[in-house]
N, C-alpha and C. Protein backbone atom coordinates (compact mmCIF):
# COMPACT_ATOMS: atom_id res chain seq x y z
N UNK A 1 -25.43 9.79 -11.46
CA UNK A 1 -24.11 10.24 -11.07
C UNK A 1 -24.00 10.21 -9.55
N UNK A 2 -22.84 9.82 -9.05
CA UNK A 2 -22.61 9.75 -7.61
C UNK A 2 -22.31 11.11 -7.05
N UNK A 3 -22.62 11.26 -5.77
CA UNK A 3 -22.29 12.50 -5.09
C UNK A 3 -20.79 12.69 -5.04
N UNK A 4 -20.39 13.92 -5.02
CA UNK A 4 -18.99 14.24 -4.88
C UNK A 4 -18.26 14.24 -6.20
N UNK A 5 -18.93 13.93 -7.30
CA UNK A 5 -18.30 13.99 -8.62
C UNK A 5 -17.11 13.06 -8.75
N UNK A 6 -17.27 11.83 -8.32
CA UNK A 6 -16.13 10.92 -8.35
C UNK A 6 -16.02 10.16 -9.67
N UNK A 7 -16.66 10.65 -10.70
CA UNK A 7 -16.51 10.05 -12.01
C UNK A 7 -17.10 8.67 -12.13
N UNK A 8 -18.16 8.41 -11.38
CA UNK A 8 -18.81 7.11 -11.48
C UNK A 8 -18.21 6.06 -10.58
N UNK A 9 -17.25 6.43 -9.75
CA UNK A 9 -16.65 5.48 -8.82
C UNK A 9 -17.64 5.08 -7.75
N UNK A 10 -17.25 4.18 -6.93
CA UNK A 10 -18.13 3.65 -5.90
C UNK A 10 -17.63 4.05 -4.52
N UNK A 11 -17.71 5.30 -4.22
CA UNK A 11 -17.22 5.81 -2.95
C UNK A 11 -17.89 5.10 -1.78
N UNK A 12 -19.16 4.77 -1.94
CA UNK A 12 -19.87 4.13 -0.83
C UNK A 12 -19.35 2.74 -0.53
N UNK A 13 -18.73 2.06 -1.48
CA UNK A 13 -18.20 0.72 -1.24
C UNK A 13 -16.87 0.76 -0.51
N UNK A 14 -16.04 1.72 -0.82
CA UNK A 14 -14.67 1.70 -0.32
C UNK A 14 -14.29 2.91 0.49
N UNK A 15 -15.05 3.96 0.37
CA UNK A 15 -14.67 5.20 1.03
C UNK A 15 -13.62 5.97 0.25
N UNK A 16 -13.17 5.43 -0.87
CA UNK A 16 -12.16 6.09 -1.70
C UNK A 16 -12.77 6.33 -3.07
N UNK A 17 -12.74 7.58 -3.54
CA UNK A 17 -13.34 7.87 -4.84
C UNK A 17 -12.70 7.07 -5.97
N UNK A 18 -13.55 6.54 -6.85
CA UNK A 18 -13.08 5.97 -8.11
C UNK A 18 -12.55 4.55 -8.08
N UNK A 19 -12.60 3.84 -6.94
CA UNK A 19 -12.02 2.50 -6.93
C UNK A 19 -13.00 1.40 -6.57
N UNK A 20 -14.25 1.69 -6.40
CA UNK A 20 -15.23 0.73 -5.92
C UNK A 20 -15.08 -0.67 -6.46
N UNK A 21 -15.23 -0.85 -7.77
CA UNK A 21 -15.17 -2.18 -8.36
C UNK A 21 -13.78 -2.78 -8.32
N UNK A 22 -12.76 -1.95 -8.13
CA UNK A 22 -11.38 -2.44 -8.08
C UNK A 22 -10.94 -2.84 -6.68
N UNK A 23 -11.79 -2.63 -5.69
CA UNK A 23 -11.39 -2.89 -4.31
C UNK A 23 -10.86 -4.31 -4.09
N UNK A 24 -11.51 -5.34 -4.62
CA UNK A 24 -10.96 -6.69 -4.42
C UNK A 24 -9.54 -6.83 -4.99
N UNK A 25 -9.26 -6.12 -6.08
CA UNK A 25 -7.93 -6.20 -6.68
C UNK A 25 -6.91 -5.43 -5.84
N UNK A 26 -7.35 -4.36 -5.20
CA UNK A 26 -6.47 -3.63 -4.29
C UNK A 26 -6.13 -4.49 -3.08
N UNK A 27 -7.14 -5.19 -2.56
CA UNK A 27 -6.89 -6.11 -1.45
C UNK A 27 -5.94 -7.22 -1.87
N UNK A 28 -6.15 -7.75 -3.08
CA UNK A 28 -5.29 -8.79 -3.62
C UNK A 28 -3.85 -8.29 -3.72
N UNK A 29 -3.69 -7.09 -4.25
CA UNK A 29 -2.35 -6.51 -4.39
C UNK A 29 -1.66 -6.39 -3.03
N UNK A 30 -2.38 -5.89 -2.05
CA UNK A 30 -1.82 -5.71 -0.71
C UNK A 30 -1.38 -7.06 -0.13
N UNK A 31 -2.25 -8.05 -0.21
CA UNK A 31 -1.95 -9.35 0.38
C UNK A 31 -0.83 -10.08 -0.37
N UNK A 32 -0.83 -9.98 -1.70
CA UNK A 32 0.24 -10.62 -2.47
C UNK A 32 1.58 -9.95 -2.22
N UNK A 33 1.58 -8.63 -2.09
CA UNK A 33 2.82 -7.91 -1.79
C UNK A 33 3.40 -8.39 -0.47
N UNK A 34 2.56 -8.50 0.53
CA UNK A 34 3.01 -8.99 1.84
C UNK A 34 3.49 -10.43 1.75
N UNK A 35 2.73 -11.27 1.05
CA UNK A 35 3.10 -12.67 0.89
C UNK A 35 4.45 -12.80 0.18
N UNK A 36 4.65 -12.05 -0.90
CA UNK A 36 5.90 -12.14 -1.65
C UNK A 36 7.08 -11.65 -0.82
N UNK A 37 6.88 -10.60 -0.06
CA UNK A 37 7.96 -10.09 0.79
C UNK A 37 8.37 -11.16 1.81
N UNK A 38 7.38 -11.77 2.43
CA UNK A 38 7.68 -12.83 3.40
C UNK A 38 8.30 -14.05 2.72
N UNK A 39 7.80 -14.39 1.54
CA UNK A 39 8.31 -15.55 0.82
C UNK A 39 9.78 -15.35 0.43
N UNK A 40 10.14 -14.14 0.00
CA UNK A 40 11.54 -13.87 -0.34
C UNK A 40 12.44 -14.06 0.87
N UNK A 41 12.00 -13.56 2.01
CA UNK A 41 12.79 -13.71 3.23
C UNK A 41 12.92 -15.18 3.60
N UNK A 42 11.82 -15.92 3.53
CA UNK A 42 11.83 -17.34 3.88
C UNK A 42 12.67 -18.14 2.89
N UNK A 43 12.62 -17.75 1.61
CA UNK A 43 13.40 -18.44 0.59
C UNK A 43 14.88 -18.35 0.90
N UNK A 44 15.32 -17.19 1.35
CA UNK A 44 16.72 -17.03 1.74
C UNK A 44 17.08 -17.91 2.92
N UNK A 45 16.20 -17.96 3.90
CA UNK A 45 16.43 -18.82 5.08
C UNK A 45 16.51 -20.29 4.67
N UNK A 46 15.58 -20.71 3.81
CA UNK A 46 15.55 -22.12 3.39
C UNK A 46 16.78 -22.46 2.57
N UNK A 47 17.19 -21.54 1.69
CA UNK A 47 18.38 -21.77 0.89
C UNK A 47 19.60 -21.95 1.78
N UNK A 48 19.76 -21.09 2.77
CA UNK A 48 20.90 -21.20 3.68
C UNK A 48 20.82 -22.46 4.54
N UNK A 49 19.61 -22.95 4.80
CA UNK A 49 19.47 -24.20 5.54
C UNK A 49 19.92 -25.39 4.69
N UNK A 50 19.72 -25.30 3.37
CA UNK A 50 20.20 -26.35 2.48
C UNK A 50 21.73 -26.33 2.45
N UNK A 51 22.28 -25.13 2.27
CA UNK A 51 23.74 -24.94 2.26
C UNK A 51 24.02 -23.48 2.58
N UNK A 52 24.94 -23.21 3.49
CA UNK A 52 25.19 -21.81 3.89
C UNK A 52 25.57 -20.88 2.74
N UNK A 53 26.14 -21.42 1.67
CA UNK A 53 26.56 -20.59 0.54
C UNK A 53 25.55 -20.55 -0.61
N UNK A 54 24.38 -21.13 -0.41
CA UNK A 54 23.38 -21.19 -1.47
C UNK A 54 22.63 -19.87 -1.60
N UNK A 55 22.54 -19.37 -2.83
CA UNK A 55 21.75 -18.16 -3.10
C UNK A 55 20.27 -18.48 -2.94
N UNK A 56 19.51 -17.52 -2.45
CA UNK A 56 18.08 -17.77 -2.22
C UNK A 56 17.35 -18.11 -3.52
N UNK A 57 17.77 -17.52 -4.63
CA UNK A 57 17.10 -17.78 -5.90
C UNK A 57 17.29 -19.22 -6.37
N UNK A 58 18.31 -19.90 -5.87
CA UNK A 58 18.58 -21.27 -6.31
C UNK A 58 17.67 -22.29 -5.65
N UNK A 59 16.99 -21.91 -4.57
CA UNK A 59 16.12 -22.86 -3.88
C UNK A 59 15.03 -23.38 -4.83
N UNK A 60 14.47 -22.50 -5.63
CA UNK A 60 13.44 -22.91 -6.59
C UNK A 60 13.95 -23.90 -7.62
N UNK A 61 15.21 -23.77 -8.00
CA UNK A 61 15.81 -24.73 -8.94
C UNK A 61 15.88 -26.12 -8.31
N UNK A 62 16.30 -26.14 -7.06
CA UNK A 62 16.38 -27.43 -6.37
C UNK A 62 14.99 -28.05 -6.25
N UNK A 63 14.00 -27.23 -5.95
CA UNK A 63 12.63 -27.73 -5.83
C UNK A 63 12.15 -28.33 -7.15
N UNK A 64 12.42 -27.63 -8.24
CA UNK A 64 11.99 -28.13 -9.55
C UNK A 64 12.70 -29.43 -9.90
N UNK A 65 13.99 -29.51 -9.63
CA UNK A 65 14.72 -30.74 -9.92
C UNK A 65 14.24 -31.89 -9.04
N UNK A 66 13.90 -31.60 -7.81
CA UNK A 66 13.40 -32.65 -6.92
C UNK A 66 12.07 -33.19 -7.43
N UNK A 67 11.24 -32.30 -7.95
CA UNK A 67 9.92 -32.70 -8.48
C UNK A 67 10.04 -33.44 -9.80
N UNK A 68 10.96 -32.99 -10.65
CA UNK A 68 10.98 -33.45 -12.04
C UNK A 68 12.09 -34.44 -12.38
N UNK A 69 13.06 -34.56 -11.53
CA UNK A 69 14.18 -35.44 -11.86
C UNK A 69 15.17 -34.74 -12.76
N UNK A 70 15.56 -35.39 -13.83
CA UNK A 70 16.55 -34.83 -14.75
C UNK A 70 15.88 -33.88 -15.74
N UNK A 71 16.47 -32.69 -15.87
CA UNK A 71 15.96 -31.69 -16.80
C UNK A 71 17.11 -31.01 -17.52
N UNK A 72 16.81 -30.52 -18.71
CA UNK A 72 17.78 -29.67 -19.42
C UNK A 72 17.79 -28.30 -18.76
N UNK A 73 18.93 -27.64 -18.86
CA UNK A 73 19.06 -26.30 -18.30
C UNK A 73 18.05 -25.35 -18.93
N UNK A 74 17.76 -25.53 -20.22
CA UNK A 74 16.79 -24.65 -20.88
C UNK A 74 15.39 -24.84 -20.31
N UNK A 75 15.05 -26.08 -19.94
CA UNK A 75 13.74 -26.33 -19.32
C UNK A 75 13.66 -25.67 -17.95
N UNK A 76 14.74 -25.77 -17.20
CA UNK A 76 14.78 -25.12 -15.89
C UNK A 76 14.65 -23.61 -16.03
N UNK A 77 15.40 -23.05 -16.97
CA UNK A 77 15.37 -21.60 -17.17
C UNK A 77 13.97 -21.14 -17.54
N UNK A 78 13.30 -21.88 -18.42
CA UNK A 78 11.94 -21.51 -18.83
C UNK A 78 10.98 -21.60 -17.65
N UNK A 79 11.11 -22.62 -16.85
CA UNK A 79 10.21 -22.79 -15.70
C UNK A 79 10.40 -21.68 -14.67
N UNK A 80 11.64 -21.35 -14.38
CA UNK A 80 11.95 -20.34 -13.37
C UNK A 80 11.74 -18.94 -13.92
N UNK A 81 11.92 -18.78 -15.23
CA UNK A 81 11.74 -17.46 -15.85
C UNK A 81 13.02 -16.64 -15.88
N UNK A 82 14.15 -17.31 -16.14
CA UNK A 82 15.43 -16.60 -16.26
C UNK A 82 16.08 -16.96 -17.58
N UNK A 83 17.08 -16.19 -17.96
CA UNK A 83 17.80 -16.44 -19.20
C UNK A 83 18.84 -17.54 -19.05
N UNK A 84 19.39 -17.94 -20.21
CA UNK A 84 20.38 -19.03 -20.22
C UNK A 84 21.63 -18.68 -19.41
N UNK A 85 22.09 -17.44 -19.52
CA UNK A 85 23.32 -17.05 -18.81
C UNK A 85 23.12 -17.13 -17.30
N UNK A 86 21.98 -16.64 -16.83
CA UNK A 86 21.68 -16.70 -15.40
C UNK A 86 21.58 -18.15 -14.94
N UNK A 87 20.90 -18.95 -15.73
CA UNK A 87 20.74 -20.37 -15.37
C UNK A 87 22.10 -21.06 -15.33
N UNK A 88 22.93 -20.79 -16.30
CA UNK A 88 24.25 -21.41 -16.36
C UNK A 88 25.07 -21.04 -15.12
N UNK A 89 25.03 -19.78 -14.73
CA UNK A 89 25.76 -19.32 -13.55
C UNK A 89 25.24 -20.02 -12.29
N UNK A 90 23.92 -20.09 -12.15
CA UNK A 90 23.34 -20.73 -10.97
C UNK A 90 23.67 -22.22 -10.92
N UNK A 91 23.62 -22.88 -12.05
CA UNK A 91 23.93 -24.31 -12.08
C UNK A 91 25.40 -24.57 -11.75
N UNK A 92 26.29 -23.71 -12.25
CA UNK A 92 27.71 -23.86 -11.91
C UNK A 92 27.91 -23.76 -10.40
N UNK A 93 27.25 -22.78 -9.79
CA UNK A 93 27.37 -22.60 -8.34
C UNK A 93 26.82 -23.82 -7.60
N UNK A 94 25.69 -24.35 -8.05
CA UNK A 94 25.11 -25.54 -7.41
C UNK A 94 26.01 -26.76 -7.58
N UNK A 95 26.65 -26.87 -8.74
CA UNK A 95 27.60 -27.96 -8.96
C UNK A 95 28.79 -27.85 -8.01
N UNK A 96 29.32 -26.64 -7.87
CA UNK A 96 30.47 -26.43 -7.00
C UNK A 96 30.14 -26.75 -5.54
N UNK A 97 28.88 -26.56 -5.16
CA UNK A 97 28.45 -26.89 -3.81
C UNK A 97 28.13 -28.38 -3.64
N UNK A 98 28.17 -29.12 -4.75
CA UNK A 98 27.90 -30.55 -4.70
C UNK A 98 26.43 -30.90 -4.62
N UNK A 99 25.56 -29.96 -4.99
CA UNK A 99 24.11 -30.18 -4.88
C UNK A 99 23.49 -30.70 -6.17
N UNK A 100 24.09 -30.39 -7.32
CA UNK A 100 23.59 -30.89 -8.60
C UNK A 100 24.76 -31.43 -9.41
N UNK A 101 24.41 -32.25 -10.39
CA UNK A 101 25.39 -32.79 -11.33
C UNK A 101 24.76 -32.74 -12.72
N UNK A 102 25.63 -32.78 -13.71
CA UNK A 102 25.18 -32.81 -15.11
C UNK A 102 25.64 -34.11 -15.75
N UNK A 103 24.84 -34.54 -16.73
CA UNK A 103 25.20 -35.71 -17.52
C UNK A 103 24.73 -35.48 -18.94
N UNK A 104 25.38 -36.09 -19.92
CA UNK A 104 24.95 -35.91 -21.30
C UNK A 104 23.52 -36.41 -21.50
N UNK A 105 22.77 -35.69 -22.32
CA UNK A 105 21.40 -36.10 -22.65
C UNK A 105 21.48 -37.21 -23.70
N UNK A 106 21.00 -38.41 -23.39
CA UNK A 106 21.09 -39.50 -24.37
C UNK A 106 20.30 -39.23 -25.65
N UNK A 107 19.30 -38.35 -25.57
CA UNK A 107 18.49 -38.04 -26.75
C UNK A 107 19.15 -36.97 -27.62
N UNK A 108 20.11 -36.23 -27.08
CA UNK A 108 20.76 -35.15 -27.82
C UNK A 108 22.16 -34.95 -27.24
N UNK A 109 23.15 -35.45 -27.94
CA UNK A 109 24.52 -35.40 -27.45
C UNK A 109 25.05 -34.01 -27.19
N UNK A 110 24.39 -32.99 -27.73
CA UNK A 110 24.85 -31.61 -27.51
C UNK A 110 24.32 -31.03 -26.21
N UNK A 111 23.29 -31.65 -25.65
CA UNK A 111 22.62 -31.11 -24.46
C UNK A 111 23.04 -31.88 -23.21
N UNK A 112 22.80 -31.25 -22.08
CA UNK A 112 23.09 -31.84 -20.78
C UNK A 112 21.82 -31.91 -19.95
N UNK A 113 21.73 -32.95 -19.14
CA UNK A 113 20.65 -33.07 -18.17
C UNK A 113 21.21 -32.76 -16.79
N UNK A 114 20.45 -32.02 -16.03
CA UNK A 114 20.85 -31.63 -14.68
C UNK A 114 19.99 -32.42 -13.69
N UNK A 115 20.58 -32.85 -12.60
CA UNK A 115 19.82 -33.57 -11.57
C UNK A 115 20.45 -33.30 -10.21
N UNK A 116 19.66 -33.53 -9.17
CA UNK A 116 20.17 -33.40 -7.81
C UNK A 116 21.13 -34.55 -7.52
N UNK A 117 22.20 -34.24 -6.82
CA UNK A 117 23.07 -35.29 -6.32
C UNK A 117 22.38 -35.91 -5.10
N UNK A 118 22.92 -37.01 -4.63
CA UNK A 118 22.38 -37.63 -3.41
C UNK A 118 22.40 -36.63 -2.27
N UNK A 119 23.53 -35.92 -2.12
CA UNK A 119 23.63 -34.92 -1.05
C UNK A 119 22.62 -33.80 -1.24
N UNK A 120 22.49 -33.33 -2.49
CA UNK A 120 21.53 -32.26 -2.77
C UNK A 120 20.11 -32.68 -2.45
N UNK A 121 19.78 -33.90 -2.80
CA UNK A 121 18.44 -34.42 -2.53
C UNK A 121 18.18 -34.53 -1.03
N UNK A 122 19.14 -35.06 -0.30
CA UNK A 122 18.97 -35.21 1.15
C UNK A 122 18.83 -33.86 1.84
N UNK A 123 19.70 -32.92 1.48
CA UNK A 123 19.64 -31.58 2.10
C UNK A 123 18.32 -30.88 1.76
N UNK A 124 17.94 -30.95 0.48
CA UNK A 124 16.71 -30.28 0.07
C UNK A 124 15.50 -30.87 0.77
N UNK A 125 15.39 -32.18 0.80
CA UNK A 125 14.24 -32.84 1.42
C UNK A 125 14.13 -32.53 2.91
N UNK A 126 15.26 -32.47 3.60
CA UNK A 126 15.24 -32.14 5.02
C UNK A 126 14.63 -30.76 5.24
N UNK A 127 15.05 -29.79 4.43
CA UNK A 127 14.54 -28.42 4.57
C UNK A 127 13.08 -28.35 4.14
N UNK A 128 12.74 -28.99 3.04
CA UNK A 128 11.36 -28.96 2.56
C UNK A 128 10.41 -29.62 3.55
N UNK A 129 10.82 -30.73 4.13
CA UNK A 129 9.96 -31.40 5.12
C UNK A 129 9.76 -30.54 6.36
N UNK A 130 10.79 -29.84 6.78
CA UNK A 130 10.66 -28.93 7.93
C UNK A 130 9.73 -27.78 7.58
N UNK A 131 9.83 -27.27 6.37
CA UNK A 131 8.94 -26.18 5.93
C UNK A 131 7.49 -26.67 5.90
N UNK A 132 7.28 -27.85 5.36
CA UNK A 132 5.92 -28.39 5.28
C UNK A 132 5.34 -28.58 6.68
N UNK A 133 6.16 -29.03 7.61
CA UNK A 133 5.69 -29.19 8.99
C UNK A 133 5.29 -27.84 9.58
N UNK A 134 6.03 -26.77 9.24
CA UNK A 134 5.66 -25.43 9.71
C UNK A 134 4.32 -25.01 9.11
N UNK A 135 4.10 -25.30 7.83
CA UNK A 135 2.81 -24.97 7.20
C UNK A 135 1.68 -25.68 7.92
N UNK A 136 1.86 -26.96 8.17
CA UNK A 136 0.83 -27.75 8.85
C UNK A 136 0.54 -27.15 10.22
N UNK A 137 1.58 -26.78 10.94
CA UNK A 137 1.42 -26.20 12.27
C UNK A 137 0.75 -24.82 12.20
N UNK A 138 1.20 -23.97 11.28
CA UNK A 138 0.65 -22.62 11.18
C UNK A 138 -0.79 -22.62 10.70
N UNK A 139 -1.17 -23.62 9.94
CA UNK A 139 -2.52 -23.67 9.37
C UNK A 139 -3.36 -24.75 10.04
N UNK A 140 -3.00 -25.12 11.25
CA UNK A 140 -3.70 -26.18 11.97
C UNK A 140 -5.19 -25.88 12.13
N UNK A 141 -5.54 -24.61 12.25
CA UNK A 141 -6.94 -24.23 12.43
C UNK A 141 -7.72 -24.14 11.13
N UNK A 142 -7.04 -24.32 10.01
CA UNK A 142 -7.71 -24.23 8.72
C UNK A 142 -8.37 -25.57 8.38
N UNK A 143 -9.49 -25.49 7.72
CA UNK A 143 -10.13 -26.68 7.17
C UNK A 143 -9.26 -27.16 5.99
N UNK A 144 -9.07 -28.46 5.85
CA UNK A 144 -8.26 -29.01 4.75
C UNK A 144 -8.79 -28.59 3.38
N UNK A 145 -10.11 -28.45 3.27
CA UNK A 145 -10.69 -28.01 2.00
C UNK A 145 -10.26 -26.59 1.67
N UNK A 146 -10.12 -25.73 2.68
CA UNK A 146 -9.65 -24.36 2.45
C UNK A 146 -8.20 -24.35 2.00
N UNK A 147 -7.38 -25.21 2.60
CA UNK A 147 -5.98 -25.30 2.19
C UNK A 147 -5.89 -25.78 0.74
N UNK A 148 -6.69 -26.78 0.41
CA UNK A 148 -6.70 -27.30 -0.96
C UNK A 148 -7.18 -26.24 -1.94
N UNK A 149 -8.20 -25.47 -1.56
CA UNK A 149 -8.72 -24.41 -2.42
C UNK A 149 -7.66 -23.32 -2.62
N UNK A 150 -6.96 -22.95 -1.57
CA UNK A 150 -5.89 -21.96 -1.69
C UNK A 150 -4.81 -22.47 -2.65
N UNK A 151 -4.43 -23.72 -2.52
CA UNK A 151 -3.43 -24.30 -3.42
C UNK A 151 -3.91 -24.27 -4.86
N UNK A 152 -5.18 -24.61 -5.09
CA UNK A 152 -5.73 -24.59 -6.46
C UNK A 152 -5.73 -23.17 -7.03
N UNK A 153 -6.12 -22.20 -6.22
CA UNK A 153 -6.17 -20.82 -6.70
C UNK A 153 -4.77 -20.27 -6.99
N UNK A 154 -3.82 -20.59 -6.14
CA UNK A 154 -2.45 -20.15 -6.40
C UNK A 154 -1.90 -20.81 -7.65
N UNK A 155 -2.21 -22.09 -7.84
CA UNK A 155 -1.78 -22.78 -9.07
C UNK A 155 -2.38 -22.10 -10.29
N UNK A 156 -3.65 -21.79 -10.22
CA UNK A 156 -4.33 -21.11 -11.33
C UNK A 156 -3.69 -19.76 -11.61
N UNK A 157 -3.38 -19.02 -10.58
CA UNK A 157 -2.72 -17.73 -10.74
C UNK A 157 -1.35 -17.90 -11.39
N UNK A 158 -0.59 -18.88 -10.94
CA UNK A 158 0.74 -19.13 -11.51
C UNK A 158 0.66 -19.61 -12.95
N UNK A 159 -0.34 -20.41 -13.28
CA UNK A 159 -0.48 -20.90 -14.65
C UNK A 159 -0.82 -19.78 -15.62
N UNK A 160 -1.50 -18.76 -15.12
CA UNK A 160 -1.88 -17.63 -15.96
C UNK A 160 -0.79 -16.59 -16.10
N UNK A 161 0.41 -16.91 -15.73
CA UNK A 161 1.50 -15.95 -15.85
C UNK A 161 1.81 -15.26 -14.54
N UNK A 162 1.06 -15.60 -13.51
CA UNK A 162 1.36 -15.04 -12.20
C UNK A 162 1.09 -13.56 -12.12
N UNK A 163 1.87 -12.92 -11.33
CA UNK A 163 1.64 -11.52 -11.02
C UNK A 163 2.37 -10.64 -11.99
């Protein structure tokens, strides 16, 4: 038994009773919280750079469409993690801004495929390229293998359901 009656915790590892083995997860929580807070703020900035009236949450939709080409709204909703009503509202707004268009799905006449318009693609790529240049600049002192490892770990985290 440890001194101080900490219920088997590892006070000597962390200085806090009862959290010894959980310390890496506490560090992870702290860093992810900070990262997500900054990412939300940046997402809003990037969305407004694409179009002044674009909601920050729509930036991810544009990114997915740029990566995947034509997708059904249900596929987009599943990827982003929102319901059909939310997706429909966001797509209507993107259409009104001239950033996306819909066309009938040739495989299913009842469904629609969504894609970036030429203007949407140009605006999105300009902002994404500027963001990537900032990453390269901010991480100039990092070894490329470390950047690749970080990307792999984040991908793994996202594939497992994320946070």
